[in-house]
ModelCIF file with pLDDT and N, C-alpha, C, O atoms, coordinates in Angstrom:
data_MODEL
#
_entry.id   MODEL 
#
_entity.id                         1 
_entity.type                       polymer 
_entity.pdbx_number_of_molecules   1 
#
_entity_poly.entity_id                      1 
_entity_poly.type                           'polypeptide(L)' 
_entity_poly.nstd_linkage                   no 
_entity_poly.nstd_monomer                   no 
_entity_poly.pdbx_seq_one_letter_code       NGMEAAKKIRTVNNSLLIVFVTGYADYVFDG 
_entity_poly.pdbx_seq_one_letter_code_can   NGMEAAKKIRTVNNSLLIVFVTGYADYVFDG 
_entity_poly.pdbx_strand_id                 A 
#
loop_
_entity_poly_seq.entity_id 
_entity_poly_seq.num 
_entity_poly_seq.mon_id 
_entity_poly_seq.hetero 
1 1  ASN n 
1 2  GLY n 
1 3  MET n 
1 4  GLU n 
1 5  ALA n 
1 6  ALA n 
1 7  LYS n 
1 8  LYS n 
1 9  ILE n 
1 10 ARG n 
1 11 THR n 
1 12 VAL n 
1 13 ASN n 
1 14 ASN n 
1 15 SER n 
1 16 LEU n 
1 17 LEU n 
1 18 ILE n 
1 19 VAL n 
1 20 PHE n 
1 21 VAL n 
1 22 THR n 
1 23 GLY n 
1 24 TYR n 
1 25 ALA n 
1 26 ASP n 
1 27 TYR n 
1 28 VAL n 
1 29 PHE n 
1 30 ASP n 
1 31 GLY n 
#
_struct_asym.id          A 
_struct_asym.entity_id   1 
#
loop_
_ma_qa_metric.id 
_ma_qa_metric.mode 
_ma_qa_metric.name 
_ma_qa_metric.software_group_id 
_ma_qa_metric.type 
1 global pLDDT . pLDDT 
2 local  pLDDT . pLDDT 
#
_ma_qa_metric_global.metric_id      1 
_ma_qa_metric_global.metric_value   79.26 
_ma_qa_metric_global.model_id       1 
_ma_qa_metric_global.ordinal_id     1 
#
loop_
_ma_qa_metric_local.label_asym_id 
_ma_qa_metric_local.label_comp_id 
_ma_qa_metric_local.label_seq_id 
_ma_qa_metric_local.metric_id 
_ma_qa_metric_local.metric_value 
_ma_qa_metric_local.model_id 
_ma_qa_metric_local.ordinal_id 
A ASN 1  2 82.00 1 1  
A GLY 2  2 86.00 1 2  
A MET 3  2 87.00 1 3  
A GLU 4  2 88.00 1 4  
A ALA 5  2 89.00 1 5  
A ALA 6  2 89.00 1 6  
A LYS 7  2 89.00 1 7  
A LYS 8  2 90.00 1 8  
A ILE 9  2 89.00 1 9  
A ARG 10 2 87.00 1 10 
A THR 11 2 84.00 1 11 
A VAL 12 2 79.00 1 12 
A ASN 13 2 81.00 1 13 
A ASN 14 2 80.00 1 14 
A SER 15 2 82.00 1 15 
A LEU 16 2 88.00 1 16 
A LEU 17 2 92.00 1 17 
A ILE 18 2 93.00 1 18 
A VAL 19 2 93.00 1 19 
A PHE 20 2 91.00 1 20 
A VAL 21 2 89.00 1 21 
A THR 22 2 84.00 1 22 
A GLY 23 2 77.00 1 23 
A TYR 24 2 71.00 1 24 
A ALA 25 2 66.00 1 25 
A ASP 26 2 64.00 1 26 
A TYR 27 2 56.00 1 27 
A VAL 28 2 53.00 1 28 
A PHE 29 2 50.00 1 29 
A ASP 30 2 56.00 1 30 
A GLY 31 2 52.00 1 31 
#
loop_
_atom_site.group_PDB 
_atom_site.id 
_atom_site.type_symbol 
_atom_site.label_atom_id 
_atom_site.label_alt_id 
_atom_site.label_comp_id 
_atom_site.label_asym_id 
_atom_site.label_entity_id 
_atom_site.label_seq_id 
_atom_site.pdbx_PDB_ins_code 
_atom_site.Cartn_x 
_atom_site.Cartn_y 
_atom_site.Cartn_z 
_atom_site.occupancy 
_atom_site.B_iso_or_equiv 
_atom_site.pdbx_formal_charge 
_atom_site.auth_seq_id 
_atom_site.auth_comp_id 
_atom_site.auth_asym_id 
_atom_site.auth_atom_id 
_atom_site.pdbx_PDB_model_num 
ATOM 1   N N  . ASN A 1 1  ? 138.465 88.102 129.457 1.00 82.00 ? 1  ASN A N  1 
ATOM 2   C CA . ASN A 1 1  ? 139.352 87.706 128.372 1.00 82.00 ? 1  ASN A CA 1 
ATOM 3   C C  . ASN A 1 1  ? 140.086 86.405 128.690 1.00 82.00 ? 1  ASN A C  1 
ATOM 4   O O  . ASN A 1 1  ? 140.062 85.909 129.817 1.00 82.00 ? 1  ASN A O  1 
ATOM 5   N N  . GLY A 1 2  ? 140.740 85.871 127.657 1.00 86.00 ? 2  GLY A N  1 
ATOM 6   C CA . GLY A 1 2  ? 141.375 84.571 127.794 1.00 86.00 ? 2  GLY A CA 1 
ATOM 7   C C  . GLY A 1 2  ? 142.466 84.523 128.839 1.00 86.00 ? 2  GLY A C  1 
ATOM 8   O O  . GLY A 1 2  ? 142.620 83.514 129.527 1.00 86.00 ? 2  GLY A O  1 
ATOM 9   N N  . MET A 1 3  ? 143.222 85.591 128.969 1.00 87.00 ? 3  MET A N  1 
ATOM 10  C CA . MET A 1 3  ? 144.300 85.601 129.955 1.00 87.00 ? 3  MET A CA 1 
ATOM 11  C C  . MET A 1 3  ? 143.743 85.553 131.374 1.00 87.00 ? 3  MET A C  1 
ATOM 12  O O  . MET A 1 3  ? 144.279 84.840 132.223 1.00 87.00 ? 3  MET A O  1 
ATOM 13  N N  . GLU A 1 4  ? 142.676 86.302 131.641 1.00 88.00 ? 4  GLU A N  1 
ATOM 14  C CA . GLU A 1 4  ? 142.039 86.270 132.963 1.00 88.00 ? 4  GLU A CA 1 
ATOM 15  C C  . GLU A 1 4  ? 141.469 84.889 133.259 1.00 88.00 ? 4  GLU A C  1 
ATOM 16  O O  . GLU A 1 4  ? 141.595 84.382 134.373 1.00 88.00 ? 4  GLU A O  1 
ATOM 17  N N  . ALA A 1 5  ? 140.844 84.286 132.257 1.00 89.00 ? 5  ALA A N  1 
ATOM 18  C CA . ALA A 1 5  ? 140.284 82.939 132.427 1.00 89.00 ? 5  ALA A CA 1 
ATOM 19  C C  . ALA A 1 5  ? 141.394 81.935 132.711 1.00 89.00 ? 5  ALA A C  1 
ATOM 20  O O  . ALA A 1 5  ? 141.244 81.068 133.572 1.00 89.00 ? 5  ALA A O  1 
ATOM 21  N N  . ALA A 1 6  ? 142.498 82.046 131.996 1.00 89.00 ? 6  ALA A N  1 
ATOM 22  C CA . ALA A 1 6  ? 143.612 81.117 132.188 1.00 89.00 ? 6  ALA A CA 1 
ATOM 23  C C  . ALA A 1 6  ? 144.200 81.226 133.588 1.00 89.00 ? 6  ALA A C  1 
ATOM 24  O O  . ALA A 1 6  ? 144.559 80.213 134.189 1.00 89.00 ? 6  ALA A O  1 
ATOM 25  N N  . LYS A 1 7  ? 144.301 82.430 134.107 1.00 89.00 ? 7  LYS A N  1 
ATOM 26  C CA . LYS A 1 7  ? 144.836 82.622 135.461 1.00 89.00 ? 7  LYS A CA 1 
ATOM 27  C C  . LYS A 1 7  ? 143.943 81.953 136.505 1.00 89.00 ? 7  LYS A C  1 
ATOM 28  O O  . LYS A 1 7  ? 144.436 81.361 137.466 1.00 89.00 ? 7  LYS A O  1 
ATOM 29  N N  . LYS A 1 8  ? 142.626 82.051 136.310 1.00 90.00 ? 8  LYS A N  1 
ATOM 30  C CA . LYS A 1 8  ? 141.696 81.389 137.235 1.00 90.00 ? 8  LYS A CA 1 
ATOM 31  C C  . LYS A 1 8  ? 141.833 79.875 137.149 1.00 90.00 ? 8  LYS A C  1 
ATOM 32  O O  . LYS A 1 8  ? 141.861 79.191 138.172 1.00 90.00 ? 8  LYS A O  1 
ATOM 33  N N  . ILE A 1 9  ? 141.920 79.354 135.931 1.00 89.00 ? 9  ILE A N  1 
ATOM 34  C CA . ILE A 1 9  ? 142.051 77.911 135.742 1.00 89.00 ? 9  ILE A CA 1 
ATOM 35  C C  . ILE A 1 9  ? 143.321 77.394 136.404 1.00 89.00 ? 9  ILE A C  1 
ATOM 36  O O  . ILE A 1 9  ? 143.315 76.326 137.017 1.00 89.00 ? 9  ILE A O  1 
ATOM 37  N N  . ARG A 1 10 ? 144.391 78.136 136.285 1.00 87.00 ? 10 ARG A N  1 
ATOM 38  C CA . ARG A 1 10 ? 145.678 77.695 136.833 1.00 87.00 ? 10 ARG A CA 1 
ATOM 39  C C  . ARG A 1 10 ? 145.696 77.665 138.366 1.00 87.00 ? 10 ARG A C  1 
ATOM 40  O O  . ARG A 1 10 ? 146.578 77.038 138.953 1.00 87.00 ? 10 ARG A O  1 
ATOM 41  N N  . THR A 1 11 ? 144.760 78.314 139.006 1.00 84.00 ? 11 THR A N  1 
ATOM 42  C CA . THR A 1 11 ? 144.726 78.254 140.475 1.00 84.00 ? 11 THR A CA 1 
ATOM 43  C C  . THR A 1 11 ? 144.353 76.863 140.970 1.00 84.00 ? 11 THR A C  1 
ATOM 44  O O  . THR A 1 11 ? 144.655 76.513 142.111 1.00 84.00 ? 11 THR A O  1 
ATOM 45  N N  . VAL A 1 12 ? 143.702 76.066 140.128 1.00 79.00 ? 12 VAL A N  1 
ATOM 46  C CA . VAL A 1 12 ? 143.287 74.719 140.542 1.00 79.00 ? 12 VAL A CA 1 
ATOM 47  C C  . VAL A 1 12 ? 143.775 73.630 139.594 1.00 79.00 ? 12 VAL A C  1 
ATOM 48  O O  . VAL A 1 12 ? 143.674 72.449 139.925 1.00 79.00 ? 12 VAL A O  1 
ATOM 49  N N  . ASN A 1 13 ? 144.296 73.988 138.435 1.00 81.00 ? 13 ASN A N  1 
ATOM 50  C CA . ASN A 1 13 ? 144.657 72.980 137.441 1.00 81.00 ? 13 ASN A CA 1 
ATOM 51  C C  . ASN A 1 13 ? 145.919 73.414 136.693 1.00 81.00 ? 13 ASN A C  1 
ATOM 52  O O  . ASN A 1 13 ? 145.896 74.355 135.899 1.00 81.00 ? 13 ASN A O  1 
ATOM 53  N N  . ASN A 1 14 ? 147.012 72.711 136.961 1.00 80.00 ? 14 ASN A N  1 
ATOM 54  C CA . ASN A 1 14 ? 148.271 73.010 136.285 1.00 80.00 ? 14 ASN A CA 1 
ATOM 55  C C  . ASN A 1 14 ? 148.572 72.058 135.145 1.00 80.00 ? 14 ASN A C  1 
ATOM 56  O O  . ASN A 1 14 ? 149.534 72.260 134.403 1.00 80.00 ? 14 ASN A O  1 
ATOM 57  N N  . SER A 1 15 ? 147.756 71.015 134.998 1.00 82.00 ? 15 SER A N  1 
ATOM 58  C CA . SER A 1 15 ? 148.043 70.007 133.978 1.00 82.00 ? 15 SER A CA 1 
ATOM 59  C C  . SER A 1 15 ? 147.336 70.271 132.651 1.00 82.00 ? 15 SER A C  1 
ATOM 60  O O  . SER A 1 15 ? 147.752 69.745 131.619 1.00 82.00 ? 15 SER A O  1 
ATOM 61  N N  . LEU A 1 16 ? 146.280 71.073 132.663 1.00 88.00 ? 16 LEU A N  1 
ATOM 62  C CA . LEU A 1 16 ? 145.555 71.369 131.433 1.00 88.00 ? 16 LEU A CA 1 
ATOM 63  C C  . LEU A 1 16 ? 146.474 72.103 130.453 1.00 88.00 ? 16 LEU A C  1 
ATOM 64  O O  . LEU A 1 16 ? 147.141 73.069 130.822 1.00 88.00 ? 16 LEU A O  1 
ATOM 65  N N  . LEU A 1 17 ? 146.500 71.637 129.210 1.00 92.00 ? 17 LEU A N  1 
ATOM 66  C CA . LEU A 1 17 ? 147.292 72.296 128.167 1.00 92.00 ? 17 LEU A CA 1 
ATOM 67  C C  . LEU A 1 17 ? 146.451 73.410 127.552 1.00 92.00 ? 17 LEU A C  1 
ATOM 68  O O  . LEU A 1 17 ? 145.336 73.178 127.085 1.00 92.00 ? 17 LEU A O  1 
ATOM 69  N N  . ILE A 1 18 ? 147.001 74.618 127.559 1.00 93.00 ? 18 ILE A N  1 
ATOM 70  C CA . ILE A 1 18 ? 146.282 75.789 127.056 1.00 93.00 ? 18 ILE A CA 1 
ATOM 71  C C  . ILE A 1 18 ? 146.992 76.344 125.826 1.00 93.00 ? 18 ILE A C  1 
ATOM 72  O O  . ILE A 1 18 ? 148.196 76.601 125.851 1.00 93.00 ? 18 ILE A O  1 
ATOM 73  N N  . VAL A 1 19 ? 146.233 76.524 124.755 1.00 93.00 ? 19 VAL A N  1 
ATOM 74  C CA . VAL A 1 19 ? 146.748 77.166 123.546 1.00 93.00 ? 19 VAL A CA 1 
ATOM 75  C C  . VAL A 1 19 ? 145.931 78.434 123.324 1.00 93.00 ? 19 VAL A C  1 
ATOM 76  O O  . VAL A 1 19 ? 144.716 78.369 123.133 1.00 93.00 ? 19 VAL A O  1 
ATOM 77  N N  . PHE A 1 20 ? 146.591 79.574 123.347 1.00 91.00 ? 20 PHE A N  1 
ATOM 78  C CA . PHE A 1 20 ? 145.892 80.834 123.109 1.00 91.00 ? 20 PHE A CA 1 
ATOM 79  C C  . PHE A 1 20 ? 145.703 81.066 121.615 1.00 91.00 ? 20 PHE A C  1 
ATOM 80  O O  . PHE A 1 20 ? 146.587 80.789 120.804 1.00 91.00 ? 20 PHE A O  1 
ATOM 81  N N  . VAL A 1 21 ? 144.533 81.580 121.279 1.00 89.00 ? 21 VAL A N  1 
ATOM 82  C CA . VAL A 1 21 ? 144.223 81.927 119.890 1.00 89.00 ? 21 VAL A CA 1 
ATOM 83  C C  . VAL A 1 21 ? 143.943 83.427 119.859 1.00 89.00 ? 21 VAL A C  1 
ATOM 84  O O  . VAL A 1 21 ? 143.110 83.913 120.625 1.00 89.00 ? 21 VAL A O  1 
ATOM 85  N N  . THR A 1 22 ? 144.612 84.151 119.005 1.00 84.00 ? 22 THR A N  1 
ATOM 86  C CA . THR A 1 22 ? 144.482 85.607 119.016 1.00 84.00 ? 22 THR A CA 1 
ATOM 87  C C  . THR A 1 22 ? 144.695 86.182 117.615 1.00 84.00 ? 22 THR A C  1 
ATOM 88  O O  . THR A 1 22 ? 145.295 85.554 116.743 1.00 84.00 ? 22 THR A O  1 
ATOM 89  N N  . GLY A 1 23 ? 144.192 87.374 117.437 1.00 77.00 ? 23 GLY A N  1 
ATOM 90  C CA . GLY A 1 23 ? 144.409 88.079 116.179 1.00 77.00 ? 23 GLY A CA 1 
ATOM 91  C C  . GLY A 1 23 ? 145.640 88.962 116.232 1.00 77.00 ? 23 GLY A C  1 
ATOM 92  O O  . GLY A 1 23 ? 145.994 89.582 115.229 1.00 77.00 ? 23 GLY A O  1 
ATOM 93  N N  . TYR A 1 24 ? 146.307 89.035 117.391 1.00 71.00 ? 24 TYR A N  1 
ATOM 94  C CA . TYR A 1 24 ? 147.448 89.932 117.577 1.00 71.00 ? 24 TYR A CA 1 
ATOM 95  C C  . TYR A 1 24 ? 148.615 89.184 118.213 1.00 71.00 ? 24 TYR A C  1 
ATOM 96  O O  . TYR A 1 24 ? 148.417 88.250 118.990 1.00 71.00 ? 24 TYR A O  1 
ATOM 97  N N  . ALA A 1 25 ? 149.810 89.598 117.882 1.00 66.00 ? 25 ALA A N  1 
ATOM 98  C CA . ALA A 1 25 ? 151.006 88.967 118.445 1.00 66.00 ? 25 ALA A CA 1 
ATOM 99  C C  . ALA A 1 25 ? 151.427 89.613 119.768 1.00 66.00 ? 25 ALA A C  1 
ATOM 100 O O  . ALA A 1 25 ? 152.369 89.148 120.408 1.00 66.00 ? 25 ALA A O  1 
ATOM 101 N N  . ASP A 1 26 ? 150.737 90.681 120.182 1.00 64.00 ? 26 ASP A N  1 
ATOM 102 C CA . ASP A 1 26 ? 151.154 91.441 121.358 1.00 64.00 ? 26 ASP A CA 1 
ATOM 103 C C  . ASP A 1 26 ? 151.086 90.637 122.657 1.00 64.00 ? 26 ASP A C  1 
ATOM 104 O O  . ASP A 1 26 ? 151.793 90.950 123.614 1.00 64.00 ? 26 ASP A O  1 
ATOM 105 N N  . TYR A 1 27 ? 150.234 89.595 122.697 1.00 56.00 ? 27 TYR A N  1 
ATOM 106 C CA . TYR A 1 27 ? 149.991 88.883 123.944 1.00 56.00 ? 27 TYR A CA 1 
ATOM 107 C C  . TYR A 1 27 ? 150.917 87.684 124.164 1.00 56.00 ? 27 TYR A C  1 
ATOM 108 O O  . TYR A 1 27 ? 150.831 87.010 125.190 1.00 56.00 ? 27 TYR A O  1 
ATOM 109 N N  . VAL A 1 28 ? 151.788 87.426 123.211 1.00 53.00 ? 28 VAL A N  1 
ATOM 110 C CA . VAL A 1 28 ? 152.569 86.185 123.268 1.00 53.00 ? 28 VAL A CA 1 
ATOM 111 C C  . VAL A 1 28 ? 153.335 86.039 124.570 1.00 53.00 ? 28 VAL A C  1 
ATOM 112 O O  . VAL A 1 28 ? 153.306 84.973 125.186 1.00 53.00 ? 28 VAL A O  1 
ATOM 113 N N  . PHE A 1 29 ? 154.019 87.090 125.000 1.00 50.00 ? 29 PHE A N  1 
ATOM 114 C CA . PHE A 1 29 ? 154.841 86.968 126.198 1.00 50.00 ? 29 PHE A CA 1 
ATOM 115 C C  . PHE A 1 29 ? 154.001 86.802 127.458 1.00 50.00 ? 29 PHE A C  1 
ATOM 116 O O  . PHE A 1 29 ? 154.473 86.215 128.432 1.00 50.00 ? 29 PHE A O  1 
ATOM 117 N N  . ASP A 1 30 ? 152.768 87.304 127.463 1.00 56.00 ? 30 ASP A N  1 
ATOM 118 C CA . ASP A 1 30 ? 151.892 87.121 128.619 1.00 56.00 ? 30 ASP A CA 1 
ATOM 119 C C  . ASP A 1 30 ? 151.572 85.652 128.852 1.00 56.00 ? 30 ASP A C  1 
ATOM 120 O O  . ASP A 1 30 ? 151.272 85.252 129.977 1.00 56.00 ? 30 ASP A O  1 
ATOM 121 N N  . GLY A 1 31 ? 151.632 84.858 127.811 1.00 52.00 ? 31 GLY A N  1 
ATOM 122 C CA . GLY A 1 31 ? 151.302 83.448 127.929 1.00 52.00 ? 31 GLY A CA 1 
ATOM 123 C C  . GLY A 1 31 ? 152.235 82.685 128.841 1.00 52.00 ? 31 GLY A C  1 
ATOM 124 O O  . GLY A 1 31 ? 152.067 81.480 129.029 1.00 52.00 ? 31 GLY A O  1 
#
């Protein structure tokens, strides 16, 4: 899922801007 992918990306890249796209509002705080 997107959150797992984002965590991997952040281990090597902190400058990439990430915008999550979702059908639910439940994940907002995880971002």
